[in-house]
């Protein structure tokens, strides 16, 4: 486990000798002040927003922002042996946060539920100390008022979380087609997504005039904090942003739109563990959000995901059927936010790009998703050694297994994950059946696209024109038929085969323990690369 971190927020101080800081790395976080390093800004809001948000809601906005910043700024473990940690990527994060409603935040049920949410999302350990805020800051410091003095959508049914991806676009279109007015709330951690999100909303507003308002929210940190790519607490920040707006306009709740394959996130390999698997819109996470924000707001606030039983291909189809196919080109699904150029918005090698391209192709809608928007072709482009190749193989392997298994076999293999999801739904038996059927359709879609793409590029196979590291080449070579642990073992063998002869060239080890020490040294020198290439694996040299 990495060294525990203690985040002192909003000018909080730690007395000399306070045991809370023992053995922990201290980090100062502040959202307002001469040394502010966390930026919070809600854009395009009306002045009425400032009048309807109680101090406790401002507290939760700051708390969620600090949690997200701490998550992003704290890299997961640099070593991948277990030692005393439950998992090598576990982190121990503590926060001291000054708040306005200190009596509420010091309640044990509030703190326990907050920890339960974060530990489920991230599998990290969290601790909180809430203290009185000595110098209050008004919410207005976080607001950038638009041209509206009043709020025309007061009391709307749902605040919609709008990421600018395919799923959130489909949700916004569906809400508008059904006659609902919506407040779309977006989180913008970096400026690279700003222009495309604005263009997408502009097109939506043109298509459905007077039916939606967009509230972009900037929450980011100073660059020198570093960057942890997993960002497992982002959905808590997301739901908090939605709640802040929903409470101010007395909306009935917050709505996420995300396909069920991503929401449930079944393990794509047998070795997927805890923090390796995202749970951003998992049914349990949404129920925990509901319970927590009911405490914060003092009323029931519905938080749901209407797309739980839809595949991504079905979501793409719904966009086109809703008459918004031309807007697909303005969406962005890529995980590599920092890679963006002005001409290409998708890297073509991350898991999100891969899933997007398979879905658009399966739905027969590639004309709305031009190949030129991908830096590397998802099917035929080269992939780097490590994560890019392993991710593609795991994606294909998982889908092919779903396609080949019967619904009963899917229920048996993923019984634990399915059970954990359905217990939070009103009709568990129907939910389980719908989830199984949805995953079966996903497998069939991927298998069909793979077969079609192999046929379309068959000429390159015979002329050696297909890059050997591409997804199609690896699938033809049967890489997806090998278990992921085997390729991991091959990688370890490669490290040792290259390193041991050099390490032992002058002085051969005299006994087995010494030889093990040499091997451990070689493997630990490659630990960061190995963890990133095979993030689903746990390994310990003492057990090898």
Protein backbone atom coordinates (compact mmCIF):
# COMPACT_ATOMS: atom_id res chain seq x y z
CA UNK A 1 0.00 0.00 0.00
CA UNK A 2 1.25 3.50 -0.79
CA UNK A 3 1.96 5.98 2.01
CA UNK A 4 -1.34 7.25 3.52
CA UNK A 5 -2.35 10.77 2.54
CA UNK A 6 -3.97 13.41 4.75
CA UNK A 7 -5.68 16.23 2.85
CA UNK A 8 -6.15 19.48 4.77
CA UNK A 9 -8.93 21.36 3.00
CA UNK A 10 -10.20 24.95 2.96
CA UNK A 11 -7.40 26.24 5.15
CA UNK A 12 -7.72 23.55 7.85
CA UNK A 13 -4.75 23.35 10.19
CA UNK A 14 -3.26 20.42 12.06
CA UNK A 15 -1.89 21.09 15.52
CA UNK A 16 1.69 20.10 16.23
CA UNK A 17 1.81 16.52 17.43
CA UNK A 18 -1.76 15.73 16.32
CA UNK A 19 -1.82 11.92 15.90
CA UNK A 20 -4.10 12.30 12.87
CA UNK A 21 -1.02 13.18 10.80
CA UNK A 22 1.21 10.37 12.01
CA UNK A 23 2.90 8.58 9.11
CA UNK A 24 0.85 10.44 6.51
CA UNK A 25 1.83 12.69 3.65
CA UNK A 26 0.15 16.08 4.17
CA UNK A 27 -1.49 17.80 1.18
CA UNK A 28 -3.17 21.22 1.27
CA UNK A 29 -6.33 21.67 -0.85
CA UNK A 30 -8.29 24.90 -1.19
CA UNK A 31 -10.98 26.01 -3.61
CA UNK A 32 -10.95 29.73 -2.80
CA UNK A 33 -8.15 31.89 -1.49
CA UNK A 34 -4.75 33.24 -2.40
CA UNK A 35 -3.36 29.71 -2.75
CA UNK A 36 -6.38 28.02 -4.32
CA UNK A 37 -5.40 24.83 -6.13
CA UNK A 38 -8.86 23.33 -6.72
CA UNK A 39 -11.03 25.12 -9.27
CA UNK A 40 -14.84 25.00 -8.91
CA UNK A 41 -17.01 26.93 -11.35
CA UNK A 42 -20.64 26.44 -12.40
CA UNK A 43 -21.35 28.21 -15.70
CA UNK A 44 -24.49 29.59 -17.32
CA UNK A 45 -26.49 29.54 -14.08
CA UNK A 46 -29.27 31.96 -13.24
CA UNK A 47 -29.14 34.22 -10.21
CA UNK A 48 -32.02 32.28 -8.72
CA UNK A 49 -29.59 29.38 -8.26
CA UNK A 50 -27.68 31.36 -5.63
CA UNK A 51 -30.86 31.94 -3.63
CA UNK A 52 -32.00 28.33 -3.35
CA UNK A 53 -28.91 26.40 -2.27
CA UNK A 54 -28.58 25.93 1.50
CA UNK A 55 -25.14 25.92 3.18
CA UNK A 56 -25.13 22.12 3.54
CA UNK A 57 -25.35 21.77 -0.24
CA UNK A 58 -22.37 24.09 -0.65
CA UNK A 59 -20.56 21.85 1.84
CA UNK A 60 -21.20 18.70 -0.18
CA UNK A 61 -20.05 20.41 -3.39
CA UNK A 62 -16.72 21.27 -1.76
CA UNK A 63 -16.37 17.84 -0.11
CA UNK A 64 -16.97 16.00 -3.39
CA UNK A 65 -14.52 18.29 -5.21
CA UNK A 66 -11.81 17.65 -2.63
CA UNK A 67 -12.42 13.88 -2.75
CA UNK A 68 -12.17 13.85 -6.54
CA UNK A 69 -9.01 15.99 -6.43
CA UNK A 70 -7.44 13.69 -3.86
CA UNK A 71 -8.36 10.68 -5.98
CA UNK A 72 -6.82 12.19 -9.13
CA UNK A 73 -3.70 13.39 -7.32
CA UNK A 74 -2.88 10.11 -5.55
CA UNK A 75 -1.32 7.46 -7.77
CA UNK A 76 -2.11 3.88 -6.96
CA UNK A 77 0.64 1.64 -5.66
CA UNK A 78 4.01 1.76 -7.39
CA UNK A 79 4.69 -1.85 -6.45
CA UNK A 80 2.57 -4.79 -7.40
CA UNK A 81 3.54 -7.34 -4.74
CA UNK A 82 0.95 -7.62 -2.00
CA UNK A 83 3.11 -7.34 1.13
CA UNK A 84 0.71 -6.37 3.94
CA UNK A 85 -1.86 -4.72 1.69
CA UNK A 86 -5.13 -6.34 0.69
CA UNK A 87 -4.40 -5.19 -2.84
CA UNK A 88 -1.36 -3.43 -4.21
CA UNK A 89 -3.45 -0.56 -5.58
CA UNK A 90 -5.22 0.16 -2.29
CA UNK A 91 -4.88 3.68 -0.93
CA UNK A 92 -5.47 5.21 2.49
CA UNK A 93 -6.94 8.71 2.16
CA UNK A 94 -7.96 10.98 5.03
CA UNK A 95 -9.60 14.42 4.80
CA UNK A 96 -10.01 17.28 7.24
CA UNK A 97 -12.76 19.49 5.82
CA UNK A 98 -14.14 22.68 7.37
CA UNK A 99 -17.92 22.82 6.84
CA UNK A 100 -20.81 25.16 7.54
CA UNK A 101 -23.24 22.57 8.95
CA UNK A 102 -20.76 20.82 11.22
CA UNK A 103 -23.45 19.12 13.36
CA UNK A 104 -24.81 17.30 10.29
CA UNK A 105 -21.45 16.22 8.91
CA UNK A 106 -20.25 14.91 12.26
CA UNK A 107 -23.18 12.48 12.46
CA UNK A 108 -21.93 8.89 12.38
CA UNK A 109 -24.61 7.74 9.89
CA UNK A 110 -23.59 10.46 7.44
CA UNK A 111 -19.87 9.70 7.66
CA UNK A 112 -20.44 5.93 7.53
CA UNK A 113 -22.56 6.19 4.39
CA UNK A 114 -20.04 8.53 2.75
CA UNK A 115 -17.26 6.04 3.44
CA UNK A 116 -19.38 3.13 2.19
CA UNK A 117 -19.99 4.91 -1.12
CA UNK A 118 -16.35 5.76 -1.70
CA UNK A 119 -15.02 2.38 -0.63
CA UNK A 120 -17.46 0.60 -2.95
CA UNK A 121 -16.48 2.82 -5.87
CA UNK A 122 -12.73 2.69 -5.32
CA UNK A 123 -11.85 -0.05 -2.82
CA UNK A 124 -9.70 2.49 -1.01
CA UNK A 125 -9.83 3.35 2.68
CA UNK A 126 -11.34 6.72 3.60
CA UNK A 127 -11.51 8.70 6.84
CA UNK A 128 -13.09 12.12 7.47
CA UNK A 129 -12.83 14.77 10.15
CA UNK A 130 -15.29 17.64 9.78
CA UNK A 131 -14.56 20.88 11.61
CA UNK A 132 -16.33 24.27 11.73
CA UNK A 133 -15.56 26.57 8.82
CA UNK A 134 -14.03 29.70 10.34
CA UNK A 135 -14.30 32.03 7.38
CA UNK A 136 -17.36 31.37 5.23
CA UNK A 137 -17.29 31.78 1.47
CA UNK A 138 -20.51 32.41 -0.43
CA UNK A 139 -21.72 30.09 -3.15
CA UNK A 140 -21.64 33.06 -5.51
CA UNK A 141 -17.87 32.70 -5.62
CA UNK A 142 -18.41 29.44 -7.53
CA UNK A 143 -21.08 30.73 -9.92
CA UNK A 144 -20.79 32.32 -13.32
CA UNK A 145 -24.16 33.85 -14.05
CA UNK A 146 -25.66 33.65 -17.50
CA UNK A 147 -28.10 36.03 -19.11
CA UNK A 148 -31.10 34.58 -17.25
CA UNK A 149 -32.18 36.39 -14.10
CA UNK A 150 -34.79 33.72 -13.40
CA UNK A 151 -34.82 29.96 -13.97
CA UNK A 152 -37.38 28.84 -16.57
CA UNK A 153 -37.07 25.13 -15.68
CA UNK A 154 -37.89 25.35 -11.97
CA UNK A 155 -39.32 22.00 -10.81
CA UNK A 156 -38.25 19.91 -13.84
CA UNK A 157 -38.57 16.15 -13.55
CA UNK A 158 -34.85 15.29 -13.74
CA UNK A 159 -31.44 16.87 -13.89
CA UNK A 160 -29.58 14.91 -16.60
CA UNK A 161 -25.87 14.16 -16.33
CA UNK A 162 -24.41 15.07 -19.72
CA UNK A 163 -20.89 13.82 -20.46
CA UNK A 164 -20.99 14.53 -24.17
CA UNK A 165 -20.70 10.83 -25.04
CA UNK A 166 -23.07 8.61 -27.00
CA UNK A 167 -25.10 7.42 -24.01
CA UNK A 168 -25.77 10.87 -22.57
CA UNK A 169 -26.66 12.18 -26.04
CA UNK A 170 -29.19 9.36 -26.44
CA UNK A 171 -30.66 10.21 -23.04
CA UNK A 172 -31.01 13.90 -23.82
CA UNK A 173 -32.68 13.10 -27.14
CA UNK A 174 -35.05 10.62 -25.50
CA UNK A 175 -36.06 13.11 -22.80
CA UNK A 176 -36.70 15.83 -25.39
CA UNK A 177 -38.65 13.51 -27.73
CA UNK A 178 -40.87 12.53 -24.80
CA UNK A 179 -41.67 16.17 -24.14
CA UNK A 180 -39.61 16.68 -20.98
CA UNK A 181 -37.62 19.78 -20.19
CA UNK A 182 -34.11 18.99 -19.00
CA UNK A 183 -31.22 20.65 -17.24
CA UNK A 184 -28.03 19.07 -18.61
CA UNK A 185 -25.10 19.15 -16.19
CA UNK A 186 -21.57 18.44 -17.44
CA UNK A 187 -18.26 18.02 -15.64
CA UNK A 188 -15.30 19.50 -17.48
CA UNK A 189 -11.97 18.49 -15.95
CA UNK A 190 -9.94 19.76 -18.92
CA UNK A 191 -10.40 22.35 -21.67
CA UNK A 192 -9.92 19.84 -24.49
CA UNK A 193 -13.56 18.68 -24.28
CA UNK A 194 -15.03 22.15 -23.95
CA UNK A 195 -15.51 23.07 -27.61
CA UNK A 196 -17.06 19.74 -28.59
CA UNK A 197 -19.46 19.70 -25.62
CA UNK A 198 -20.56 23.24 -26.43
CA UNK A 199 -21.07 22.36 -30.10
CA UNK A 200 -23.06 19.24 -29.19
CA UNK A 201 -25.35 21.15 -26.85
CA UNK A 202 -25.77 23.91 -29.42
CA UNK A 203 -26.97 21.33 -31.97
CA UNK A 204 -29.32 19.78 -29.41
CA UNK A 205 -30.73 23.18 -28.50
CA UNK A 206 -31.28 23.94 -32.18
CA UNK A 207 -33.10 20.62 -32.65
CA UNK A 208 -35.20 20.98 -29.48
CA UNK A 209 -35.51 24.74 -28.88
CA UNK A 210 -36.58 25.78 -25.40
CA UNK A 211 -36.44 22.26 -23.94
CA UNK A 212 -33.04 22.21 -22.26
CA UNK A 213 -30.44 24.29 -20.44
CA UNK A 214 -26.76 23.40 -20.15
CA UNK A 215 -24.79 23.90 -16.92
CA UNK A 216 -21.08 23.15 -17.46
CA UNK A 217 -19.16 22.67 -14.21
CA UNK A 218 -15.41 23.13 -14.06
CA UNK A 219 -13.74 21.14 -11.30
CA UNK A 220 -10.05 20.48 -11.70
CA UNK A 221 -6.75 20.77 -9.90
CA UNK A 222 -3.32 22.22 -10.44
CA UNK A 223 -1.23 20.25 -12.94
CA UNK A 224 1.62 19.67 -10.50
CA UNK A 225 -0.55 17.32 -8.45
CA UNK A 226 -0.04 14.55 -10.98
CA UNK A 227 -2.69 12.35 -12.52
CA UNK A 228 -4.19 8.99 -11.53
CA UNK A 229 -6.15 7.66 -14.50
CA UNK A 230 -8.57 5.33 -12.66
CA UNK A 231 -10.55 8.20 -11.03
CA UNK A 232 -13.01 5.83 -9.37
CA UNK A 233 -14.75 8.59 -7.37
CA UNK A 234 -15.74 10.65 -10.39
CA UNK A 235 -19.34 9.38 -10.37
CA UNK A 236 -19.72 10.58 -6.77
CA UNK A 237 -18.61 14.02 -7.91
CA UNK A 238 -20.95 13.72 -10.88
CA UNK A 239 -23.97 12.85 -8.75
CA UNK A 240 -23.09 15.67 -6.35
CA UNK A 241 -23.07 18.20 -9.18
CA UNK A 242 -26.47 16.95 -10.30
CA UNK A 243 -27.79 17.14 -6.74
CA UNK A 244 -26.58 20.73 -6.28
CA UNK A 245 -28.57 21.82 -9.33
CA UNK A 246 -31.52 19.51 -8.59
CA UNK A 247 -31.91 20.85 -5.06
CA UNK A 248 -31.71 24.47 -6.20
CA UNK A 249 -34.55 24.05 -8.73
CA UNK A 250 -36.49 21.42 -6.73
CA UNK A 251 -36.12 18.72 -9.35
CA UNK A 252 -37.32 15.23 -8.51
CA UNK A 253 -33.91 13.73 -9.03
CA UNK A 254 -30.77 13.11 -11.04
CA UNK A 255 -30.59 10.88 -14.08
CA UNK A 256 -27.58 9.06 -15.50
CA UNK A 257 -27.74 7.52 -18.97
CA UNK A 258 -25.26 4.67 -19.43
CA UNK A 259 -25.55 1.30 -21.14
CA UNK A 260 -25.90 -1.77 -18.96
CA UNK A 261 -22.66 -3.45 -20.08
CA UNK A 262 -20.66 -0.53 -18.68
CA UNK A 263 -22.90 -0.08 -15.65
CA UNK A 264 -22.55 -3.67 -14.49
CA UNK A 265 -18.99 -4.02 -15.81
CA UNK A 266 -18.71 -7.79 -15.58
CA UNK A 267 -15.08 -8.94 -15.33
CA UNK A 268 -13.59 -9.24 -18.82
CA UNK A 269 -11.02 -11.66 -17.39
CA UNK A 270 -11.18 -14.10 -14.51
CA UNK A 271 -8.60 -12.09 -12.59
CA UNK A 272 -10.45 -8.75 -12.48
CA UNK A 273 -10.36 -7.52 -8.90
CA UNK A 274 -11.92 -4.68 -6.96
CA UNK A 275 -10.35 -1.33 -7.90
CA UNK A 276 -9.54 -2.70 -11.36
CA UNK A 277 -13.26 -2.71 -12.22
CA UNK A 278 -15.16 0.58 -12.54
CA UNK A 279 -18.50 0.85 -10.69
CA UNK A 280 -19.50 4.36 -11.69
CA UNK A 281 -23.21 3.68 -12.42
CA UNK A 282 -23.53 0.25 -10.83
CA UNK A 283 -27.06 -0.27 -9.37
CA UNK A 284 -25.62 -0.46 -5.87
CA UNK A 285 -23.72 2.79 -6.38
CA UNK A 286 -26.87 4.60 -7.54
CA UNK A 287 -28.84 3.31 -4.54
CA UNK A 288 -26.08 4.45 -2.18
CA UNK A 289 -26.13 7.87 -3.87
CA UNK A 290 -29.90 8.04 -3.34
CA UNK A 291 -29.62 7.22 0.36
CA UNK A 292 -26.77 9.66 0.94
CA UNK A 293 -28.32 12.62 -0.86
CA UNK A 294 -31.64 11.97 0.88
CA UNK A 295 -29.77 12.67 4.13
CA UNK A 296 -28.05 15.73 2.68
CA UNK A 297 -31.19 17.31 1.17
CA UNK A 298 -33.75 16.09 3.70
CA UNK A 299 -35.99 14.71 0.96
CA UNK A 300 -36.11 11.77 -1.40
CA UNK A 301 -34.08 12.46 -4.51
CA UNK A 302 -34.36 9.78 -7.21
CA UNK A 303 -31.08 8.81 -8.91
CA UNK A 304 -31.54 6.33 -11.73
CA UNK A 305 -30.26 4.95 -15.02
CA UNK A 306 -32.98 4.17 -17.61
CA UNK A 307 -30.44 2.50 -19.93
CA UNK A 308 -29.50 -0.32 -17.54
CA UNK A 309 -30.92 -2.97 -19.90
CA UNK A 310 -29.61 -1.50 -23.17
CA UNK A 311 -26.43 -2.37 -25.09
CA UNK A 312 -24.37 0.45 -26.56
CA UNK A 313 -25.36 -0.64 -30.08
CA UNK A 314 -29.03 -0.26 -29.11
CA UNK A 315 -28.31 3.19 -27.73
CA UNK A 316 -26.69 4.23 -31.03
CA UNK A 317 -29.76 2.94 -32.87
CA UNK A 318 -32.03 5.01 -30.61
CA UNK A 319 -30.09 8.18 -31.45
CA UNK A 320 -30.59 7.62 -35.16
CA UNK A 321 -34.25 6.65 -34.70
CA UNK A 322 -34.72 9.85 -32.71
CA UNK A 323 -33.54 11.86 -35.73
CA UNK A 324 -30.24 12.89 -34.14
CA UNK A 325 -27.81 10.67 -36.05
CA UNK A 326 -25.90 13.68 -37.36
CA UNK A 327 -25.03 14.62 -33.78
CA UNK A 328 -23.02 11.42 -33.22
CA UNK A 329 -19.99 13.00 -34.86
CA UNK A 330 -20.00 15.68 -32.15
CA UNK A 331 -19.82 13.21 -29.25
CA UNK A 332 -16.61 12.04 -27.61
CA UNK A 333 -16.06 8.64 -25.96
CA UNK A 334 -12.26 8.52 -25.69
CA UNK A 335 -10.67 7.90 -22.29
CA UNK A 336 -7.46 9.74 -23.21
CA UNK A 337 -8.61 13.30 -22.63
CA UNK A 338 -5.13 14.77 -22.85
CA UNK A 339 -4.42 13.24 -26.27
CA UNK A 340 -6.97 15.31 -28.21
CA UNK A 341 -6.07 17.21 -31.33
CA UNK A 342 -8.28 19.61 -33.23
CA UNK A 343 -8.88 17.10 -36.02
CA UNK A 344 -9.18 13.76 -34.19
CA UNK A 345 -11.08 13.20 -30.96
CA UNK A 346 -10.63 9.44 -30.54
CA UNK A 347 -7.35 7.59 -30.04
CA UNK A 348 -8.80 4.31 -31.36
CA UNK A 349 -6.86 2.15 -28.90
CA UNK A 350 -8.51 2.67 -25.48
CA UNK A 351 -11.40 0.53 -24.22
CA UNK A 352 -13.97 3.30 -24.73
CA UNK A 353 -12.95 3.88 -28.34
CA UNK A 354 -13.05 0.14 -29.00
CA UNK A 355 -16.51 -0.24 -27.46
CA UNK A 356 -17.81 2.81 -29.34
CA UNK A 357 -16.60 1.62 -32.74
CA UNK A 358 -17.98 -1.89 -32.27
CA UNK A 359 -21.34 -0.42 -31.23
CA UNK A 360 -21.59 2.06 -34.11
CA UNK A 361 -20.59 -0.65 -36.57
CA UNK A 362 -23.06 -3.13 -35.11
CA UNK A 363 -25.84 -0.56 -35.42
CA UNK A 364 -24.94 0.07 -39.07
CA UNK A 365 -24.30 3.75 -38.35
CA UNK A 366 -20.64 4.23 -39.31
CA UNK A 367 -21.57 7.07 -41.66
CA UNK A 368 -22.24 9.15 -38.57
CA UNK A 369 -18.91 8.21 -36.97
CA UNK A 370 -16.18 8.93 -39.53
CA UNK A 371 -12.99 6.85 -39.45
CA UNK A 372 -11.00 10.06 -39.77
CA UNK A 373 -11.99 10.94 -36.21
CA UNK A 374 -9.82 8.06 -34.92
CA UNK A 375 -6.06 8.48 -34.68
CA UNK A 376 -5.73 4.71 -35.14
CA UNK A 377 -8.28 2.40 -36.74
CA UNK A 378 -9.91 0.31 -33.99
CA UNK A 379 -9.86 -2.87 -36.09
CA UNK A 380 -6.74 -2.58 -38.25
CA UNK A 381 -4.55 0.01 -36.54
CA UNK A 382 -1.33 -0.91 -34.68
CA UNK A 383 -1.44 -1.37 -30.91
CA UNK A 384 1.41 -0.86 -28.48
CA UNK A 385 2.78 -3.73 -26.41
CA UNK A 386 0.98 -3.98 -23.09
CA UNK A 387 -2.32 -2.32 -22.24
CA UNK A 388 -3.50 -1.52 -25.78
CA UNK A 389 -3.11 -5.10 -27.01
CA UNK A 390 -4.26 -6.76 -23.78
CA UNK A 391 -7.36 -4.59 -23.54
CA UNK A 392 -8.39 -5.42 -27.11
CA UNK A 393 -7.91 -9.15 -26.56
CA UNK A 394 -9.78 -9.12 -23.25
CA UNK A 395 -12.65 -7.18 -24.85
CA UNK A 396 -12.95 -9.68 -27.70
CA UNK A 397 -12.49 -12.71 -25.44
CA UNK A 398 -15.22 -11.56 -23.04
CA UNK A 399 -17.72 -10.84 -25.84
CA UNK A 400 -17.04 -14.15 -27.63
CA UNK A 401 -17.58 -16.01 -24.36
CA UNK A 402 -20.91 -14.24 -23.85
CA UNK A 403 -21.93 -15.09 -27.41
CA UNK A 404 -21.08 -18.77 -27.00
CA UNK A 405 -22.57 -19.25 -23.54
CA UNK A 406 -26.23 -19.97 -22.94
CA UNK A 407 -28.17 -17.60 -20.68
CA UNK A 408 -28.02 -20.26 -17.95
CA UNK A 409 -24.23 -20.43 -18.27
CA UNK A 410 -23.97 -16.64 -18.07
CA UNK A 411 -26.11 -16.67 -14.94
CA UNK A 412 -23.89 -19.34 -13.39
CA UNK A 413 -20.51 -17.81 -14.25
CA UNK A 414 -21.42 -14.27 -13.20
CA UNK A 415 -23.76 -15.17 -10.38
CA UNK A 416 -21.95 -13.03 -7.81
CA UNK A 417 -21.91 -9.88 -9.95
CA UNK A 418 -25.53 -10.31 -11.05
CA UNK A 419 -26.73 -10.94 -7.50
CA UNK A 420 -24.97 -7.85 -6.24
CA UNK A 421 -26.73 -5.75 -8.88
CA UNK A 422 -30.27 -7.11 -8.76
CA UNK A 423 -30.70 -6.85 -4.99
CA UNK A 424 -31.00 -3.09 -5.39
CA UNK A 425 -33.80 -3.26 -7.95
CA UNK A 426 -37.53 -3.40 -7.20
CA UNK A 427 -38.12 -6.63 -9.17
CA UNK A 428 -34.95 -8.76 -8.78
CA UNK A 429 -36.03 -11.78 -10.86
CA UNK A 430 -36.99 -9.70 -13.89
CA UNK A 431 -33.87 -7.57 -13.48
CA UNK A 432 -31.58 -10.60 -13.56
CA UNK A 433 -33.21 -11.94 -16.71
CA UNK A 434 -33.02 -8.57 -18.46
CA UNK A 435 -29.35 -8.14 -17.52
CA UNK A 436 -28.44 -11.61 -18.79
CA UNK A 437 -30.30 -11.05 -22.05
CA UNK A 438 -28.63 -7.68 -22.53
CA UNK A 439 -25.15 -9.19 -22.10
CA UNK A 440 -26.05 -12.00 -24.48
CA UNK A 441 -27.04 -9.44 -27.14
CA UNK A 442 -23.79 -7.56 -26.56
CA UNK A 443 -21.78 -10.72 -27.17
CA UNK A 444 -23.71 -11.47 -30.34
CA UNK A 445 -23.17 -7.92 -31.62
CA UNK A 446 -19.40 -8.01 -31.08
CA UNK A 447 -19.07 -11.49 -32.61
CA UNK A 448 -21.01 -10.42 -35.70
CA UNK A 449 -18.99 -7.23 -36.16
CA UNK A 450 -15.74 -9.16 -35.75
CA UNK A 451 -16.77 -11.66 -38.41
CA UNK A 452 -17.88 -8.91 -40.80
CA UNK A 453 -14.66 -6.92 -40.32
CA UNK A 454 -12.53 -10.02 -40.92
CA UNK A 455 -14.38 -10.55 -44.18
CA UNK A 456 -14.05 -6.91 -45.18
CA UNK A 457 -10.29 -6.94 -44.67
CA UNK A 458 -9.64 -10.47 -45.90
CA UNK A 459 -7.63 -9.16 -48.85
CA UNK A 460 -5.08 -7.63 -46.50
CA UNK A 461 -4.65 -10.98 -44.77
CA UNK A 462 -3.33 -12.64 -47.92
CA UNK A 463 -1.15 -9.71 -48.93
CA UNK A 464 0.36 -9.27 -45.45
CA UNK A 465 -1.14 -5.77 -45.40
CA UNK A 466 -2.69 -6.11 -41.96
CA UNK A 467 -0.61 -4.87 -39.05
CA UNK A 468 0.33 -7.89 -36.89
CA UNK A 469 -0.48 -5.97 -33.69
CA UNK A 470 -3.98 -4.93 -34.82
CA UNK A 471 -7.11 -6.25 -33.15
CA UNK A 472 -8.08 -8.28 -36.22
CA UNK A 473 -4.62 -9.85 -36.58
CA UNK A 474 -4.55 -10.86 -32.93
CA UNK A 475 -8.05 -12.32 -33.23
CA UNK A 476 -7.05 -14.32 -36.33
CA UNK A 477 -4.03 -15.62 -34.43
CA UNK A 478 -6.31 -16.89 -31.68
CA UNK A 479 -4.94 -14.57 -29.00
CA UNK A 480 -8.45 -14.16 -27.56
CA UNK A 481 -8.64 -17.93 -27.01
CA UNK A 482 -5.75 -17.84 -24.55
CA UNK A 483 -6.50 -17.12 -20.90
CA UNK A 484 -5.17 -13.75 -19.77
CA UNK A 485 -3.04 -15.29 -17.02
CA UNK A 486 -1.04 -17.16 -19.69
CA UNK A 487 -0.03 -14.00 -21.52
CA UNK A 488 0.85 -12.45 -18.16
CA UNK A 489 3.11 -15.40 -17.36
CA UNK A 490 4.71 -15.12 -20.79
CA UNK A 491 5.45 -11.46 -20.05
CA UNK A 492 7.12 -12.37 -16.74
CA UNK A 493 9.15 -15.07 -18.47
CA UNK A 494 10.27 -12.50 -21.02
CA UNK A 495 11.47 -10.10 -18.31
CA UNK A 496 13.43 -12.84 -16.55
CA UNK A 497 14.82 -14.40 -19.74
CA UNK A 498 16.31 -11.10 -20.80
CA UNK A 499 17.47 -9.97 -17.39
CA UNK A 500 18.79 -13.06 -15.57
CA UNK A 501 21.68 -13.84 -17.96
CA UNK A 502 22.94 -10.26 -17.65
CA UNK A 503 22.47 -10.11 -13.85
CA UNK A 504 24.34 -13.42 -13.39
CA UNK A 505 27.00 -12.98 -16.06
CA UNK A 506 29.91 -12.24 -13.67
CA UNK A 507 28.69 -13.72 -10.40
CA UNK A 508 26.37 -16.69 -10.51
CA UNK A 509 24.03 -17.07 -7.49
CA UNK A 510 25.32 -19.59 -4.97
CA UNK A 511 21.90 -20.68 -3.68
CA UNK A 512 18.20 -20.52 -4.46
CA UNK A 513 17.35 -17.60 -2.10
CA UNK A 514 19.95 -15.45 -3.81
CA UNK A 515 18.57 -16.39 -7.20
CA UNK A 516 15.08 -15.42 -6.00
CA UNK A 517 16.38 -12.03 -4.89
CA UNK A 518 17.78 -11.41 -8.36
CA UNK A 519 14.46 -12.38 -9.94
CA UNK A 520 12.52 -10.16 -7.52
CA UNK A 521 14.79 -7.24 -8.34
CA UNK A 522 14.24 -7.67 -12.06
CA UNK A 523 10.49 -7.96 -11.71
CA UNK A 524 10.16 -5.02 -9.32
CA UNK A 525 12.17 -2.86 -11.71
CA UNK A 526 9.40 -3.52 -14.26
CA UNK A 527 6.50 -3.30 -11.80
CA UNK A 528 4.91 -0.09 -13.07
CA UNK A 529 4.83 -1.30 -16.67
CA UNK A 530 3.51 -4.71 -15.67
CA UNK A 531 0.74 -3.29 -13.49
CA UNK A 532 -0.41 -0.96 -16.25
CA UNK A 533 -0.23 -3.68 -18.91
CA UNK A 534 -2.07 -6.25 -16.78
CA UNK A 535 -4.17 -4.22 -14.33
CA UNK A 536 -6.36 -7.23 -13.52
CA UNK A 537 -3.57 -9.34 -12.02
CA UNK A 538 -2.46 -9.89 -8.45
CA UNK A 539 0.98 -11.38 -7.97
CA UNK A 540 3.39 -12.01 -5.11
CA UNK A 541 6.90 -13.36 -5.56
CA UNK A 542 6.69 -15.39 -2.35
CA UNK A 543 3.78 -17.37 -3.82
CA UNK A 544 5.11 -17.86 -7.33
